[in-house]
Amino acid sequence: MGDFEQFEDTIGQILRDVMPLYEQLHAYVRGRLCEIYPNRFNCNGPIPSHIL
């Protein structure tokens, strides 16, 4: 059981490390989409899955 707990801790740390970059990338893409396609979706929320 110890190996699995260590694995979970490692994955959790990787996610914590990557999340700020992911959030910045998401905000950039959403901003560009709002510039190119104004009023097509909520520019303050998640990017709709049909656009991805």
N, C-alpha and C. Protein backbone atom coordinates (compact mmCIF):
# COMPACT_ATOMS: atom_id res chain seq x y z
N MET A 1 0.82 -1.20 0.00
CA MET A 1 0.00 0.00 0.00
C MET A 1 0.86 1.26 0.00
N GLY A 2 2.07 1.18 0.49
CA GLY A 2 2.93 2.35 0.56
C GLY A 2 3.31 2.90 -0.80
N ASP A 3 3.54 2.01 -1.77
CA ASP A 3 3.91 2.46 -3.11
C ASP A 3 2.78 3.25 -3.75
N PHE A 4 1.54 2.78 -3.55
CA PHE A 4 0.40 3.47 -4.13
C PHE A 4 0.22 4.85 -3.52
N GLU A 5 0.40 4.97 -2.22
CA GLU A 5 0.28 6.27 -1.56
C GLU A 5 1.36 7.22 -2.05
N GLN A 6 2.56 6.71 -2.25
CA GLN A 6 3.65 7.54 -2.78
C GLN A 6 3.32 7.98 -4.20
N PHE A 7 2.75 7.06 -4.99
CA PHE A 7 2.34 7.38 -6.35
C PHE A 7 1.29 8.49 -6.34
N GLU A 8 0.28 8.37 -5.47
CA GLU A 8 -0.74 9.41 -5.36
C GLU A 8 -0.14 10.75 -4.99
N ASP A 9 0.79 10.75 -4.06
CA ASP A 9 1.45 12.00 -3.65
C ASP A 9 2.22 12.61 -4.82
N THR A 10 2.90 11.76 -5.58
CA THR A 10 3.68 12.24 -6.73
C THR A 10 2.76 12.85 -7.78
N ILE A 11 1.67 12.16 -8.10
CA ILE A 11 0.72 12.67 -9.09
C ILE A 11 0.09 13.97 -8.59
N GLY A 12 -0.25 14.03 -7.32
CA GLY A 12 -0.82 15.26 -6.76
C GLY A 12 0.14 16.43 -6.88
N GLN A 13 1.42 16.19 -6.63
CA GLN A 13 2.42 17.25 -6.74
C GLN A 13 2.57 17.70 -8.19
N ILE A 14 2.56 16.76 -9.12
CA ILE A 14 2.66 17.11 -10.54
C ILE A 14 1.48 17.98 -10.94
N LEU A 15 0.27 17.62 -10.51
CA LEU A 15 -0.91 18.42 -10.83
C LEU A 15 -0.81 19.82 -10.24
N ARG A 16 -0.35 19.92 -9.00
CA ARG A 16 -0.20 21.24 -8.38
C ARG A 16 0.83 22.08 -9.13
N ASP A 17 1.88 21.45 -9.63
CA ASP A 17 2.92 22.18 -10.37
C ASP A 17 2.43 22.66 -11.73
N VAL A 18 1.61 21.84 -12.40
CA VAL A 18 1.18 22.13 -13.77
C VAL A 18 -0.06 23.03 -13.81
N MET A 19 -0.89 23.01 -12.78
CA MET A 19 -2.16 23.73 -12.80
C MET A 19 -2.03 25.23 -13.09
N PRO A 20 -1.07 25.96 -12.52
CA PRO A 20 -0.96 27.39 -12.87
C PRO A 20 -0.70 27.62 -14.36
N LEU A 21 0.14 26.80 -14.96
CA LEU A 21 0.40 26.92 -16.40
C LEU A 21 -0.86 26.60 -17.19
N TYR A 22 -1.57 25.57 -16.81
CA TYR A 22 -2.81 25.20 -17.48
C TYR A 22 -3.82 26.36 -17.40
N GLU A 23 -3.96 26.96 -16.23
CA GLU A 23 -4.91 28.06 -16.06
C GLU A 23 -4.52 29.26 -16.91
N GLN A 24 -3.24 29.56 -17.00
CA GLN A 24 -2.78 30.67 -17.84
C GLN A 24 -3.04 30.38 -19.32
N LEU A 25 -2.76 29.17 -19.75
CA LEU A 25 -3.00 28.79 -21.14
C LEU A 25 -4.48 28.86 -21.46
N HIS A 26 -5.32 28.36 -20.57
CA HIS A 26 -6.77 28.41 -20.77
C HIS A 26 -7.25 29.85 -20.88
N ALA A 27 -6.77 30.72 -20.02
CA ALA A 27 -7.18 32.13 -20.05
C ALA A 27 -6.72 32.79 -21.34
N TYR A 28 -5.52 32.48 -21.80
CA TYR A 28 -5.02 33.06 -23.05
C TYR A 28 -5.88 32.62 -24.23
N VAL A 29 -6.13 31.32 -24.33
CA VAL A 29 -6.93 30.80 -25.45
C VAL A 29 -8.34 31.38 -25.41
N ARG A 30 -8.94 31.42 -24.22
CA ARG A 30 -10.28 31.99 -24.09
C ARG A 30 -10.29 33.45 -24.51
N GLY A 31 -9.28 34.20 -24.12
CA GLY A 31 -9.19 35.61 -24.50
C GLY A 31 -9.06 35.80 -25.99
N ARG A 32 -8.23 34.99 -26.62
CA ARG A 32 -8.06 35.08 -28.08
C ARG A 32 -9.36 34.71 -28.79
N LEU A 33 -10.02 33.66 -28.31
CA LEU A 33 -11.29 33.27 -28.93
C LEU A 33 -12.32 34.38 -28.80
N CYS A 34 -12.33 35.07 -27.67
CA CYS A 34 -13.28 36.18 -27.48
C CYS A 34 -12.96 37.35 -28.40
N GLU A 35 -11.68 37.55 -28.69
CA GLU A 35 -11.31 38.61 -29.63
C GLU A 35 -11.75 38.25 -31.05
N ILE A 36 -11.56 37.01 -31.43
CA ILE A 36 -11.87 36.57 -32.79
C ILE A 36 -13.37 36.36 -32.98
N TYR A 37 -14.04 35.80 -31.97
CA TYR A 37 -15.47 35.48 -32.05
C TYR A 37 -16.22 36.15 -30.90
N PRO A 38 -16.36 37.47 -30.94
CA PRO A 38 -17.05 38.16 -29.84
C PRO A 38 -18.53 37.73 -29.75
N ASN A 39 -19.03 37.70 -28.55
CA ASN A 39 -20.45 37.41 -28.27
C ASN A 39 -20.90 36.02 -28.68
N ARG A 40 -19.96 35.09 -28.84
CA ARG A 40 -20.35 33.72 -29.21
C ARG A 40 -20.51 32.83 -27.98
N PHE A 41 -19.84 33.18 -26.87
CA PHE A 41 -19.95 32.42 -25.64
C PHE A 41 -19.51 33.30 -24.49
N ASN A 42 -19.70 32.82 -23.27
CA ASN A 42 -19.33 33.57 -22.08
C ASN A 42 -17.80 33.68 -22.00
N CYS A 43 -17.28 34.86 -22.12
CA CYS A 43 -15.83 35.06 -22.13
C CYS A 43 -15.22 35.03 -20.73
N ASN A 44 -16.02 34.84 -19.71
CA ASN A 44 -15.51 34.76 -18.34
C ASN A 44 -15.59 33.36 -17.76
N GLY A 45 -16.04 32.41 -18.53
CA GLY A 45 -16.22 31.05 -18.01
C GLY A 45 -15.38 30.05 -18.78
N PRO A 46 -15.71 28.80 -18.62
CA PRO A 46 -14.97 27.76 -19.34
C PRO A 46 -15.20 27.85 -20.84
N ILE A 47 -14.27 27.33 -21.60
CA ILE A 47 -14.42 27.26 -23.05
C ILE A 47 -15.39 26.11 -23.34
N PRO A 48 -16.44 26.35 -24.11
CA PRO A 48 -17.38 25.27 -24.42
C PRO A 48 -16.68 24.11 -25.13
N SER A 49 -17.08 22.90 -24.80
CA SER A 49 -16.41 21.72 -25.35
C SER A 49 -16.55 21.61 -26.86
N HIS A 50 -17.64 22.12 -27.43
CA HIS A 50 -17.80 22.01 -28.88
C HIS A 50 -16.83 22.92 -29.64
N ILE A 51 -16.23 23.89 -28.95
CA ILE A 51 -15.25 24.77 -29.59
C ILE A 51 -13.87 24.14 -29.59
N LEU A 52 -13.59 23.33 -28.57
CA LEU A 52 -12.29 22.69 -28.48
C LEU A 52 -12.18 21.64 -29.54
